[in-house]
C-alpha atoms as a PDB file:
ATOM      1  CA  MET A   1      26.503 -59.146  89.116  1.00  0.00           C
ATOM      2  CA  GLN A   2      27.072 -55.551  88.035  1.00  0.00           C
ATOM      3  CA  GLN A   3      27.626 -52.247  89.794  1.00  0.00           C
ATOM      4  CA  VAL A   4      25.087 -49.538  88.959  1.00  0.00           C
ATOM      5  CA  CYS A   5      26.437 -45.972  88.918  1.00  0.00           C
ATOM      6  CA  PRO A   6      24.582 -43.728  91.406  1.00  0.00           C
ATOM      7  CA  ASN A   7      25.071 -40.749  89.064  1.00  0.00           C
ATOM      8  CA  CYS A   8      24.096 -41.993  85.573  1.00  0.00           C
ATOM      9  CA  SER A   9      22.667 -45.518  86.275  1.00  0.00           C
ATOM     10  CA  HIS A  10      25.197 -47.114  83.883  1.00  0.00           C
ATOM     11  CA  ARG A  11      25.758 -50.825  84.594  1.00  0.00           C
ATOM     12  CA  ASN A  12      29.474 -51.352  85.224  1.00  0.00           C
ATOM     13  CA  ARG A  13      31.476 -54.561  85.444  1.00  0.00           C
ATOM     14  CA  LEU A  14      32.167 -55.893  88.920  1.00  0.00           C
ATOM     15  CA  GLY A  15      35.502 -54.629  90.258  1.00  0.00           C
ATOM     16  CA  VAL A  16      35.443 -51.311  88.374  1.00  0.00           C
ATOM     17  CA  ILE A  17      36.269 -48.385  90.692  1.00  0.00           C
ATOM     18  CA  PHE A  18      35.012 -45.523  88.506  1.00  0.00           C
ATOM     19  CA  CYS A  19      31.932 -45.537  86.271  1.00  0.00           C
ATOM     20  CA  GLU A  20      32.936 -46.468  82.720  1.00  0.00           C
ATOM     21  CA  ASN A  21      30.346 -43.985  81.402  1.00  0.00           C
ATOM     22  CA  CYS A  22      30.689 -40.821  83.529  1.00  0.00           C
ATOM     23  CA  GLY A  23      33.720 -41.378  85.791  1.00  0.00           C
ATOM     24  CA  THR A  24      31.845 -41.213  89.115  1.00  0.00           C
ATOM     25  CA  SER A  25      33.457 -43.120  91.984  1.00  0.00           C
ATOM     26  CA  LEU A  26      31.706 -46.435  92.611  1.00  0.00           C
ATOM     27  CA  ILE A  27      33.333 -47.019  95.994  1.00  0.00           C
ATOM     28  CA  GLY A  28      31.786 -44.146  97.953  1.00  0.00           C
ATOM     29  CA  SER A  29      31.472 -40.391  97.793  1.00  0.00           C
ATOM     30  CA  SER A  30      35.175 -40.111  96.997  1.00  0.00           C
ATOM     31  CA  ALA A  31      38.079 -42.443  96.420  1.00  0.00           C
ATOM     32  CA  MET A  32      39.492 -41.443  99.852  1.00  0.00           C
ATOM     33  CA  ASN A  33      36.441 -42.568 101.840  1.00  0.00           C
ATOM     34  CA  THR A  34      36.091 -46.088 103.143  1.00  0.00           C
ATOM     35  CA  ARG A  35      33.146 -48.001 104.439  1.00  0.00           C
ATOM     36  CA  SER A  36      32.718 -51.193 106.354  1.00  0.00           C
ATOM     37  CA  LEU A  37      31.393 -54.089 104.350  1.00  0.00           C
ATOM     38  CA  GLY A  38      30.574 -56.013 107.480  1.00  0.00           C
ATOM     39  CA  ASP A  39      30.708 -59.769 107.109  1.00  0.00           C
ATOM     40  CA  GLU A  40      30.260 -59.984 103.326  1.00  0.00           C
ATOM     41  CA  THR A  41      33.097 -62.453 102.813  1.00  0.00           C
ATOM     42  CA  ASP A  42      30.951 -64.430 100.354  1.00  0.00           C
ATOM     43  CA  LEU A  43      31.565 -61.639  97.774  1.00  0.00           C
ATOM     44  CA  ALA A  44      35.357 -61.916  98.026  1.00  0.00           C
ATOM     45  CA  PRO A  45      35.775 -64.829  95.558  1.00  0.00           C
ATOM     46  CA  ALA A  46      33.493 -63.170  92.978  1.00  0.00           C
ATOM     47  CA  ILE A  47      35.349 -59.867  93.264  1.00  0.00           C
ATOM     48  CA  GLU A  48      38.758 -61.565  93.021  1.00  0.00           C
ATOM     49  CA  ASN A  49      37.580 -63.552  89.987  1.00  0.00           C
ATOM     50  CA  ALA A  50      36.301 -60.420  88.210  1.00  0.00           C
ATOM     51  CA  ILE A  51      39.470 -58.448  88.920  1.00  0.00           C
ATOM     52  CA  ALA A  52      41.695 -61.323  87.791  1.00  0.00           C
ATOM     53  CA  GLY A  53      39.803 -61.546  84.474  1.00  0.00           C
ATOM     54  CA  ILE A  54      40.170 -57.880  83.494  1.00  0.00           C
ATOM     55  CA  GLY A  55      42.328 -57.601  80.381  1.00  0.00           C
ATOM     56  CA  SER A  56      42.583 -61.370  79.967  1.00  0.00           C
ATOM     57  CA  ASP A  57      42.726 -62.960  76.529  1.00  0.00           C
ATOM     58  CA  SER A  58      41.345 -66.266  77.811  1.00  0.00           C
ATOM     59  CA  PHE A  59      37.825 -66.971  76.507  1.00  0.00           C
ATOM     60  CA  ASN A  60      36.706 -70.245  78.087  1.00  0.00           C
ATOM     61  CA  ASP A  61      33.767 -72.555  77.428  1.00  0.00           C
ATOM     62  CA  GLY A  62      30.613 -71.256  79.049  1.00  0.00           C
ATOM     63  CA  MET A  63      31.498 -67.599  78.464  1.00  0.00           C
ATOM     64  CA  LEU A  64      29.539 -65.017  76.509  1.00  0.00           C
ATOM     65  CA  LEU A  65      30.881 -62.081  74.534  1.00  0.00           C
ATOM     66  CA  ARG A  66      29.262 -58.856  75.737  1.00  0.00           C
ATOM     67  CA  ILE A  67      29.310 -56.091  73.103  1.00  0.00           C
ATOM     68  CA  GLU A  68      28.493 -52.597  74.355  1.00  0.00           C
ATOM     69  CA  VAL A  69      27.995 -50.177  71.455  1.00  0.00           C
ATOM     70  CA  ASP A  70      28.523 -46.481  72.252  1.00  0.00           C
ATOM     71  CA  GLY A  71      25.109 -44.854  72.449  1.00  0.00           C
ATOM     72  CA  GLY A  72      23.318 -48.223  72.545  1.00  0.00           C
ATOM     73  CA  LYS A  73      20.720 -48.758  75.241  1.00  0.00           C
ATOM     74  CA  GLU A  74      21.426 -52.440  75.771  1.00  0.00           C
ATOM     75  CA  ALA A  75      24.449 -54.665  75.346  1.00  0.00           C
ATOM     76  CA  VAL A  76      24.498 -57.473  72.797  1.00  0.00           C
ATOM     77  CA  LEU A  77      25.301 -60.855  74.364  1.00  0.00           C
ATOM     78  CA  ILE A  78      26.500 -63.589  72.038  1.00  0.00           C
ATOM     79  CA  LYS A  79      27.944 -67.047  72.314  1.00  0.00           C
ATOM     80  CA  PRO A  80      30.534 -66.841  69.526  1.00  0.00           C
ATOM     81  CA  THR A  81      30.511 -69.733  67.093  1.00  0.00           C
ATOM     82  CA  GLN A  82      33.666 -70.829  65.282  1.00  0.00           C
ATOM     83  CA  GLU A  83      33.116 -67.789  63.039  1.00  0.00           C
ATOM     84  CA  THR A  84      30.791 -64.903  64.000  1.00  0.00           C
ATOM     85  CA  VAL A  85      30.278 -62.202  61.344  1.00  0.00           C
ATOM     86  CA  LEU A  86      29.689 -58.570  62.409  1.00  0.00           C
ATOM     87  CA  GLY A  87      27.980 -56.306  59.878  1.00  0.00           C
ATOM     88  CA  ARG A  88      24.617 -54.934  58.815  1.00  0.00           C
ATOM     89  CA  ARG A  89      21.693 -56.528  57.049  1.00  0.00           C
ATOM     90  CA  ASP A  90      20.892 -55.718  53.460  1.00  0.00           C
ATOM     91  CA  PRO A  91      17.252 -56.254  52.463  1.00  0.00           C
ATOM     92  CA  ALA A  92      18.100 -55.954  48.746  1.00  0.00           C
ATOM     93  CA  THR A  93      20.466 -58.951  48.744  1.00  0.00           C
ATOM     94  CA  GLY A  94      19.092 -60.752  51.797  1.00  0.00           C
ATOM     95  CA  ALA A  95      22.510 -60.585  53.491  1.00  0.00           C
ATOM     96  CA  MET A  96      22.219 -61.104  57.234  1.00  0.00           C
ATOM     97  CA  PRO A  97      25.327 -61.126  59.470  1.00  0.00           C
ATOM     98  CA  ASP A  98      25.452 -63.109  62.719  1.00  0.00           C
ATOM     99  CA  VAL A  99      25.583 -59.842  64.700  1.00  0.00           C
ATOM    100  CA  ASP A 100      23.494 -57.160  62.972  1.00  0.00           C
ATOM    101  CA  MET A 101      24.663 -53.611  63.664  1.00  0.00           C
ATOM    102  CA  THR A 102      21.758 -52.025  61.728  1.00  0.00           C
ATOM    103  CA  PRO A 103      19.827 -51.108  64.928  1.00  0.00           C
ATOM    104  CA  PHE A 104      22.858 -49.087  66.075  1.00  0.00           C
ATOM    105  CA  ALA A 105      22.808 -46.903  62.907  1.00  0.00           C
ATOM    106  CA  GLY A 106      25.201 -49.301  61.177  1.00  0.00           C
ATOM    107  CA  TYR A 107      24.701 -47.848  57.699  1.00  0.00           C
ATOM    108  CA  ARG A 108      25.235 -44.256  58.847  1.00  0.00           C
ATOM    109  CA  MET A 109      28.282 -45.271  60.934  1.00  0.00           C
ATOM    110  CA  GLY A 110      30.006 -46.894  57.940  1.00  0.00           C
ATOM    111  CA  VAL A 111      29.558 -50.552  58.872  1.00  0.00           C
ATOM    112  CA  SER A 112      29.852 -52.873  55.867  1.00  0.00           C
ATOM    113  CA  ARG A 113      27.434 -55.761  55.232  1.00  0.00           C
ATOM    114  CA  ARG A 114      30.232 -58.208  56.130  1.00  0.00           C
ATOM    115  CA  HIS A 115      32.567 -55.934  58.051  1.00  0.00           C
ATOM    116  CA  ALA A 116      34.543 -58.119  60.460  1.00  0.00           C
ATOM    117  CA  VAL A 117      34.550 -61.606  61.913  1.00  0.00           C
ATOM    118  CA  ILE A 118      35.325 -62.940  65.369  1.00  0.00           C
ATOM    119  CA  ARG A 119      36.900 -66.393  65.293  1.00  0.00           C
ATOM    120  CA  HIS A 120      37.914 -68.888  67.938  1.00  0.00           C
ATOM    121  CA  ALA A 121      41.672 -69.381  67.961  1.00  0.00           C
ATOM    122  CA  ASP A 122      44.019 -71.884  69.589  1.00  0.00           C
ATOM    123  CA  GLY A 123      44.391 -71.675  73.341  1.00  0.00           C
ATOM    124  CA  ASN A 124      40.877 -70.514  74.296  1.00  0.00           C
ATOM    125  CA  ARG A 125      41.091 -67.075  72.766  1.00  0.00           C
ATOM    126  CA  LEU A 126      39.196 -64.959  70.253  1.00  0.00           C
ATOM    127  CA  ASP A 127      40.605 -63.109  67.252  1.00  0.00           C
ATOM    128  CA  VAL A 128      39.020 -60.313  65.230  1.00  0.00           C
ATOM    129  CA  TRP A 129      39.596 -60.133  61.455  1.00  0.00           C
ATOM    130  CA  ASP A 130      38.717 -57.233  59.163  1.00  0.00           C
ATOM    131  CA  LEU A 131      36.997 -58.623  56.049  1.00  0.00           C
ATOM    132  CA  GLY A 132      38.289 -55.936  53.676  1.00  0.00           C
ATOM    133  CA  SER A 133      35.726 -53.389  54.841  1.00  0.00           C
ATOM    134  CA  SER A 134      35.610 -49.980  53.147  1.00  0.00           C
ATOM    135  CA  ASN A 135      35.812 -47.952  56.369  1.00  0.00           C
ATOM    136  CA  GLY A 136      38.176 -50.159  58.339  1.00  0.00           C
ATOM    137  CA  THR A 137      38.210 -52.074  61.599  1.00  0.00           C
ATOM    138  CA  PHE A 138      40.192 -50.738  64.548  1.00  0.00           C
ATOM    139  CA  LEU A 139      41.333 -52.493  67.731  1.00  0.00           C
ATOM    140  CA  ASN A 140      42.140 -50.110  70.597  1.00  0.00           C
ATOM    141  CA  GLY A 141      42.645 -47.295  68.080  1.00  0.00           C
ATOM    142  CA  THR A 142      44.915 -49.216  65.679  1.00  0.00           C
ATOM    143  CA  ARG A 143      43.627 -49.916  62.171  1.00  0.00           C
ATOM    144  CA  LEU A 144      43.716 -53.626  61.345  1.00  0.00           C
ATOM    145  CA  ASN A 145      45.148 -55.048  58.158  1.00  0.00           C
ATOM    146  CA  ALA A 146      42.474 -56.958  56.238  1.00  0.00           C
ATOM    147  CA  HIS A 147      42.285 -60.748  56.467  1.00  0.00           C
ATOM    148  CA  ARG A 148      44.717 -61.054  59.416  1.00  0.00           C
ATOM    149  CA  PRO A 149      43.941 -62.172  62.997  1.00  0.00           C
ATOM    150  CA  TYR A 150      44.260 -59.826  65.975  1.00  0.00           C
ATOM    151  CA  LYS A 151      43.863 -61.156  69.521  1.00  0.00           C
ATOM    152  CA  ILE A 152      40.961 -59.745  71.563  1.00  0.00           C
ATOM    153  CA  HIS A 153      41.263 -59.095  75.311  1.00  0.00           C
ATOM    154  CA  ASP A 154      38.492 -58.538  77.844  1.00  0.00           C
ATOM    155  CA  GLY A 155      37.664 -54.802  77.807  1.00  0.00           C
ATOM    156  CA  ASP A 156      39.105 -54.068  74.341  1.00  0.00           C
ATOM    157  CA  GLU A 157      37.647 -51.340  72.159  1.00  0.00           C
ATOM    158  CA  ILE A 158      36.688 -52.309  68.615  1.00  0.00           C
ATOM    159  CA  ARG A 159      35.605 -49.776  66.011  1.00  0.00           C
ATOM    160  CA  LEU A 160      33.759 -50.736  62.832  1.00  0.00           C
ATOM    161  CA  GLY A 161      33.943 -47.662  60.583  1.00  0.00           C
ATOM    162  CA  GLN A 162      32.803 -44.969  63.037  1.00  0.00           C
ATOM    163  CA  MET A 163      30.917 -47.344  65.375  1.00  0.00           C
ATOM    164  CA  MET A 164      32.715 -47.677  68.710  1.00  0.00           C
ATOM    165  CA  MET A 165      32.107 -50.661  70.956  1.00  0.00           C
ATOM    166  CA  LYS A 166      33.678 -52.352  73.956  1.00  0.00           C
ATOM    167  CA  VAL A 167      33.874 -56.139  74.246  1.00  0.00           C
ATOM    168  CA  TYR A 168      33.842 -58.014  77.544  1.00  0.00           C
ATOM    169  CA  PHE A 169      34.232 -61.695  78.358  1.00  0.00           C
ATOM    170  CA  GLN A 170      31.338 -62.602  80.621  1.00  0.00           C
ATOM    171  CA  HIS A 171      30.470 -65.790  82.462  1.00  0.00           C
ATOM    172  CA  GLN A 172      26.957 -67.002  81.759  1.00  0.00           C
ATOM    173  CA  PRO A 173      24.636 -66.201  84.651  1.00  0.00           C
ATOM    174  CA  ILE A 174      23.076 -69.110  86.473  1.00  0.00           C
ATOM    175  CA  SER A 175      19.348 -68.559  86.832  1.00  0.00           C
ATOM    176  CA  ALA A 176      16.306 -70.473  87.944  1.00  0.00           C
ATOM    177  CA  ASP A 177      15.386 -70.862  84.256  1.00  0.00           C
ATOM    178  CA  SER A 178      18.696 -72.582  83.448  1.00  0.00           C
ATOM    179  CA  PRO A 179      18.276 -76.200  82.444  1.00  0.00           C
ATOM    180  CA  LYS A 180      19.079 -78.557  85.272  1.00  0.00           C
ATOM    181  CA  PRO A 181      21.055 -81.738  84.717  1.00  0.00           C
ATOM    182  CA  PRO A 182      18.890 -84.853  84.615  1.00  0.00           C
ATOM    183  CA  SER A 183      18.614 -86.665  87.926  1.00  0.00           C
ATOM    184  CA  PRO A 184      20.010 -90.203  88.044  1.00  0.00           C
ATOM    185  CA  GLN A 185      17.458 -92.956  87.588  1.00  0.00           C
ATOM    186  CA  SER A 186      17.098 -95.237  90.593  1.00  0.00           C
END
């Protein structure tokens, strides 16, 4: 469940008070106004869960990594494997990273073919490693040393060269199309 900004239609994470794109208040016409939610107590656990997860470094089974590239129209949702390579494809060599940044102007933004990797680490967390890229990998504005792990938190900003992106830990949605467990045989 996401909150849609009434001003710019940006889809914001549940529990965010101001639009992450334009800064508009998502809780009414101003932060000072209040409104009655009536008897919507069924939302309370979901809201508490979302707020508790903000900034967490815990990436549990059944979660997806949501990558929102600045200027991109849609987020990239991935289920990270033990090692997930971020980069851009190269038709000349046939190189194809796990997450291809070519559609987001990867070449122009200085993204290397094999720029960075996201790896599972001990204790249900994810680390980002720069792979010796020419234009650098940055985590929350700090340039990373090559070939060293750096812990990722929900909501962190990662920059590959000049390409800015935000990463979020997202629970997989349950939909009608989701596979159902087999029923017991009688």
